[in-house]
Amino acid sequence: MNTVKRAADSLPAAAMMALVEGRIVEAIRAVREAEDLGFREAKKIVERYIMCDAALRAQWVARREASRQVLGRIVRVMLLLLAGYVLYRVFRP
């Protein structure tokens, strides 16, 4: 945990660039390579850095909300298709 706190203060330049561009996975990968950490520790470092930076946090929250909305639409369409198929199979002449 001490490593997470220390490394969150100074992210590698590649990780910072990736975060500014909105590529969180690339930022985690850059931290893993630079700090020689596992995925979980690198992810904690990147998330802690995002939570400390207001602009990045707002961007991250907005992207997460947009993803949830898209997923919700996909689920609704799939349910409608499933309901249509069931009705077709039940009431087919």
N, C-alpha and C. Protein backbone atom coordinates (compact mmCIF):
# COMPACT_ATOMS: atom_id res chain seq x y z
N MET A 1 0.82 -1.19 0.00
CA MET A 1 0.00 0.00 0.00
C MET A 1 0.86 1.25 0.00
N ASN A 2 2.02 1.19 0.66
CA ASN A 2 2.94 2.31 0.69
C ASN A 2 3.42 2.64 -0.72
N THR A 3 3.64 1.62 -1.54
CA THR A 3 4.05 1.82 -2.93
C THR A 3 2.97 2.55 -3.71
N VAL A 4 1.71 2.19 -3.45
CA VAL A 4 0.60 2.83 -4.15
C VAL A 4 0.56 4.32 -3.83
N LYS A 5 0.69 4.66 -2.57
CA LYS A 5 0.62 6.06 -2.15
C LYS A 5 1.78 6.86 -2.74
N ARG A 6 2.98 6.30 -2.73
CA ARG A 6 4.16 6.98 -3.23
C ARG A 6 4.08 7.17 -4.74
N ALA A 7 3.69 6.13 -5.45
CA ALA A 7 3.69 6.18 -6.91
C ALA A 7 2.55 7.03 -7.45
N ALA A 8 1.47 7.18 -6.70
CA ALA A 8 0.35 8.00 -7.17
C ALA A 8 0.74 9.46 -7.24
N ASP A 9 1.73 9.86 -6.44
CA ASP A 9 2.17 11.25 -6.46
C ASP A 9 2.94 11.58 -7.73
N SER A 10 3.61 10.61 -8.31
CA SER A 10 4.42 10.86 -9.50
C SER A 10 4.20 9.76 -10.53
N LEU A 11 3.24 9.97 -11.39
CA LEU A 11 2.99 9.00 -12.46
C LEU A 11 4.02 9.18 -13.56
N PRO A 12 4.35 8.12 -14.27
CA PRO A 12 5.23 8.25 -15.43
C PRO A 12 4.59 9.16 -16.49
N ALA A 13 5.41 9.80 -17.28
CA ALA A 13 4.91 10.73 -18.29
C ALA A 13 3.97 10.03 -19.27
N ALA A 14 4.30 8.80 -19.64
CA ALA A 14 3.44 8.06 -20.58
C ALA A 14 2.06 7.81 -19.99
N ALA A 15 2.01 7.55 -18.69
CA ALA A 15 0.73 7.33 -18.03
C ALA A 15 -0.09 8.61 -17.97
N MET A 16 0.58 9.72 -17.69
CA MET A 16 -0.14 11.00 -17.65
C MET A 16 -0.70 11.36 -19.03
N MET A 17 0.09 11.14 -20.07
CA MET A 17 -0.39 11.42 -21.43
C MET A 17 -1.58 10.54 -21.78
N ALA A 18 -1.51 9.28 -21.41
CA ALA A 18 -2.62 8.36 -21.69
C ALA A 18 -3.88 8.80 -20.95
N LEU A 19 -3.74 9.24 -19.70
CA LEU A 19 -4.90 9.70 -18.95
C LEU A 19 -5.51 10.95 -19.55
N VAL A 20 -4.67 11.87 -20.00
CA VAL A 20 -5.18 13.09 -20.63
C VAL A 20 -5.96 12.75 -21.89
N GLU A 21 -5.53 11.72 -22.60
CA GLU A 21 -6.22 11.28 -23.81
C GLU A 21 -7.40 10.36 -23.51
N GLY A 22 -7.60 10.03 -22.23
CA GLY A 22 -8.73 9.20 -21.84
C GLY A 22 -8.49 7.71 -21.97
N ARG A 23 -7.24 7.29 -22.06
CA ARG A 23 -6.92 5.87 -22.23
C ARG A 23 -6.41 5.31 -20.90
N ILE A 24 -7.34 4.89 -20.07
CA ILE A 24 -7.00 4.43 -18.73
C ILE A 24 -6.20 3.13 -18.77
N VAL A 25 -6.56 2.23 -19.65
CA VAL A 25 -5.85 0.95 -19.74
C VAL A 25 -4.39 1.18 -20.11
N GLU A 26 -4.15 2.09 -21.03
CA GLU A 26 -2.77 2.40 -21.42
C GLU A 26 -2.01 3.03 -20.25
N ALA A 27 -2.69 3.84 -19.45
CA ALA A 27 -2.04 4.43 -18.28
C ALA A 27 -1.65 3.36 -17.27
N ILE A 28 -2.54 2.41 -17.05
CA ILE A 28 -2.23 1.31 -16.13
C ILE A 28 -1.04 0.51 -16.65
N ARG A 29 -1.03 0.25 -17.95
CA ARG A 29 0.08 -0.49 -18.55
C ARG A 29 1.40 0.26 -18.38
N ALA A 30 1.37 1.59 -18.56
CA ALA A 30 2.59 2.38 -18.42
C ALA A 30 3.10 2.36 -16.98
N VAL A 31 2.18 2.42 -16.01
CA VAL A 31 2.58 2.37 -14.60
C VAL A 31 3.16 1.00 -14.27
N ARG A 32 2.55 -0.05 -14.79
CA ARG A 32 3.06 -1.41 -14.54
C ARG A 32 4.49 -1.55 -15.04
N GLU A 33 4.74 -1.05 -16.24
CA GLU A 33 6.08 -1.18 -16.81
C GLU A 33 7.10 -0.31 -16.07
N ALA A 34 6.70 0.91 -15.74
CA ALA A 34 7.64 1.84 -15.10
C ALA A 34 7.96 1.45 -13.66
N GLU A 35 6.96 0.98 -12.93
CA GLU A 35 7.13 0.69 -11.51
C GLU A 35 7.35 -0.80 -11.23
N ASP A 36 7.23 -1.63 -12.25
CA ASP A 36 7.37 -3.08 -12.11
C ASP A 36 6.39 -3.61 -11.06
N LEU A 37 5.10 -3.30 -11.28
CA LEU A 37 4.03 -3.70 -10.36
C LEU A 37 3.06 -4.64 -11.05
N GLY A 38 2.22 -5.26 -10.26
CA GLY A 38 1.15 -6.07 -10.81
C GLY A 38 0.00 -5.19 -11.25
N PHE A 39 -0.97 -5.83 -11.90
CA PHE A 39 -2.11 -5.08 -12.43
C PHE A 39 -2.88 -4.37 -11.33
N ARG A 40 -3.17 -5.07 -10.25
CA ARG A 40 -3.99 -4.50 -9.19
C ARG A 40 -3.35 -3.26 -8.58
N GLU A 41 -2.06 -3.33 -8.31
CA GLU A 41 -1.37 -2.18 -7.71
C GLU A 41 -1.32 -1.01 -8.68
N ALA A 42 -1.03 -1.30 -9.95
CA ALA A 42 -0.98 -0.23 -10.95
C ALA A 42 -2.35 0.42 -11.13
N LYS A 43 -3.39 -0.39 -11.10
CA LYS A 43 -4.76 0.13 -11.24
C LYS A 43 -5.10 1.04 -10.07
N LYS A 44 -4.72 0.64 -8.87
CA LYS A 44 -4.97 1.48 -7.69
C LYS A 44 -4.25 2.82 -7.81
N ILE A 45 -3.02 2.78 -8.31
CA ILE A 45 -2.25 4.01 -8.47
C ILE A 45 -2.93 4.95 -9.45
N VAL A 46 -3.35 4.42 -10.59
CA VAL A 46 -3.99 5.24 -11.61
C VAL A 46 -5.32 5.78 -11.09
N GLU A 47 -6.11 4.95 -10.43
CA GLU A 47 -7.39 5.40 -9.90
C GLU A 47 -7.20 6.47 -8.82
N ARG A 48 -6.21 6.30 -7.98
CA ARG A 48 -5.94 7.31 -6.96
C ARG A 48 -5.54 8.64 -7.60
N TYR A 49 -4.72 8.56 -8.64
CA TYR A 49 -4.32 9.78 -9.34
C TYR A 49 -5.53 10.46 -9.97
N ILE A 50 -6.42 9.67 -10.59
CA ILE A 50 -7.63 10.23 -11.20
C ILE A 50 -8.49 10.91 -10.15
N MET A 51 -8.65 10.29 -8.99
CA MET A 51 -9.50 10.85 -7.95
C MET A 51 -8.91 12.13 -7.35
N CYS A 52 -7.61 12.29 -7.44
CA CYS A 52 -6.97 13.50 -6.90
C CYS A 52 -7.01 14.66 -7.88
N ASP A 53 -7.23 14.40 -9.15
CA ASP A 53 -7.26 15.43 -10.17
C ASP A 53 -8.72 15.67 -10.58
N ALA A 54 -9.23 16.87 -10.31
CA ALA A 54 -10.65 17.16 -10.55
C ALA A 54 -11.04 17.03 -12.02
N ALA A 55 -10.18 17.50 -12.92
CA ALA A 55 -10.51 17.44 -14.35
C ALA A 55 -10.56 16.00 -14.84
N LEU A 56 -9.57 15.21 -14.43
CA LEU A 56 -9.56 13.80 -14.83
C LEU A 56 -10.74 13.04 -14.22
N ARG A 57 -11.06 13.36 -12.96
CA ARG A 57 -12.18 12.70 -12.30
C ARG A 57 -13.48 12.99 -13.04
N ALA A 58 -13.69 14.25 -13.43
CA ALA A 58 -14.91 14.61 -14.16
C ALA A 58 -14.98 13.89 -15.50
N GLN A 59 -13.85 13.82 -16.18
CA GLN A 59 -13.79 13.12 -17.47
C GLN A 59 -14.08 11.63 -17.28
N TRP A 60 -13.51 11.02 -16.25
CA TRP A 60 -13.70 9.60 -15.99
C TRP A 60 -15.15 9.29 -15.65
N VAL A 61 -15.76 10.14 -14.81
CA VAL A 61 -17.15 9.93 -14.42
C VAL A 61 -18.06 10.10 -15.63
N ALA A 62 -17.79 11.08 -16.48
CA ALA A 62 -18.61 11.30 -17.67
C ALA A 62 -18.53 10.11 -18.62
N ARG A 63 -17.32 9.57 -18.81
CA ARG A 63 -17.16 8.41 -19.69
C ARG A 63 -17.87 7.18 -19.12
N ARG A 64 -17.76 7.00 -17.80
CA ARG A 64 -18.41 5.85 -17.18
C ARG A 64 -19.93 5.96 -17.32
N GLU A 65 -20.47 7.16 -17.13
CA GLU A 65 -21.91 7.35 -17.26
C GLU A 65 -22.36 7.12 -18.70
N ALA A 66 -21.58 7.59 -19.67
CA ALA A 66 -21.92 7.36 -21.07
C ALA A 66 -21.91 5.87 -21.40
N SER A 67 -20.95 5.15 -20.86
CA SER A 67 -20.89 3.70 -21.08
C SER A 67 -22.10 3.00 -20.48
N ARG A 68 -22.50 3.44 -19.31
CA ARG A 68 -23.68 2.84 -18.68
C ARG A 68 -24.94 3.10 -19.50
N GLN A 69 -25.06 4.30 -20.07
CA GLN A 69 -26.23 4.61 -20.89
C GLN A 69 -26.26 3.73 -22.14
N VAL A 70 -25.13 3.55 -22.77
CA VAL A 70 -25.06 2.71 -23.96
C VAL A 70 -25.40 1.27 -23.60
N LEU A 71 -24.85 0.79 -22.50
CA LEU A 71 -25.16 -0.57 -22.07
C LEU A 71 -26.65 -0.73 -21.77
N GLY A 72 -27.24 0.27 -21.14
CA GLY A 72 -28.68 0.23 -20.86
C GLY A 72 -29.50 0.14 -22.13
N ARG A 73 -29.11 0.90 -23.15
CA ARG A 73 -29.82 0.85 -24.44
C ARG A 73 -29.69 -0.53 -25.09
N ILE A 74 -28.50 -1.08 -25.03
CA ILE A 74 -28.28 -2.40 -25.61
C ILE A 74 -29.13 -3.45 -24.91
N VAL A 75 -29.19 -3.38 -23.59
CA VAL A 75 -29.99 -4.34 -22.82
C VAL A 75 -31.47 -4.20 -23.17
N ARG A 76 -31.96 -2.96 -23.29
CA ARG A 76 -33.37 -2.76 -23.64
C ARG A 76 -33.68 -3.32 -25.03
N VAL A 77 -32.81 -3.10 -25.98
CA VAL A 77 -33.03 -3.61 -27.33
C VAL A 77 -33.03 -5.14 -27.32
N MET A 78 -32.08 -5.72 -26.59
CA MET A 78 -32.04 -7.18 -26.51
C MET A 78 -33.31 -7.75 -25.87
N LEU A 79 -33.81 -7.09 -24.83
CA LEU A 79 -35.04 -7.55 -24.19
C LEU A 79 -36.23 -7.43 -25.14
N LEU A 80 -36.29 -6.35 -25.89
CA LEU A 80 -37.38 -6.20 -26.86
C LEU A 80 -37.30 -7.27 -27.95
N LEU A 81 -36.10 -7.55 -28.41
CA LEU A 81 -35.94 -8.61 -29.41
C LEU A 81 -36.34 -9.97 -28.85
N LEU A 82 -35.95 -10.24 -27.63
CA LEU A 82 -36.30 -11.50 -26.99
C LEU A 82 -37.81 -11.61 -26.80
N ALA A 83 -38.44 -10.52 -26.35
CA ALA A 83 -39.89 -10.53 -26.17
C ALA A 83 -40.59 -10.75 -27.51
N GLY A 84 -40.10 -10.09 -28.55
CA GLY A 84 -40.70 -10.28 -29.88
C GLY A 84 -40.57 -11.71 -30.36
N TYR A 85 -39.42 -12.31 -30.13
CA TYR A 85 -39.21 -13.70 -30.53
C TYR A 85 -40.13 -14.64 -29.77
N VAL A 86 -40.26 -14.42 -28.47
CA VAL A 86 -41.14 -15.27 -27.65
C VAL A 86 -42.58 -15.12 -28.12
N LEU A 87 -43.02 -13.90 -28.35
CA LEU A 87 -44.39 -13.69 -28.83
C LEU A 87 -44.60 -14.33 -30.19
N TYR A 88 -43.61 -14.26 -31.05
CA TYR A 88 -43.70 -14.89 -32.36
C TYR A 88 -43.84 -16.40 -32.22
N ARG A 89 -43.03 -17.00 -31.34
CA ARG A 89 -43.08 -18.46 -31.16
C ARG A 89 -44.39 -18.91 -30.51
N VAL A 90 -44.93 -18.10 -29.60
CA VAL A 90 -46.15 -18.48 -28.89
C VAL A 90 -47.37 -18.33 -29.76
N PHE A 91 -47.47 -17.22 -30.49
CA PHE A 91 -48.68 -16.92 -31.25
C PHE A 91 -48.55 -17.16 -32.74
N ARG A 92 -47.57 -17.94 -33.13
CA ARG A 92 -47.38 -18.26 -34.55
C ARG A 92 -48.53 -19.14 -35.02
N PRO A 93 -49.13 -18.81 -36.18
CA PRO A 93 -50.26 -19.62 -36.67
C PRO A 93 -49.85 -21.01 -37.14
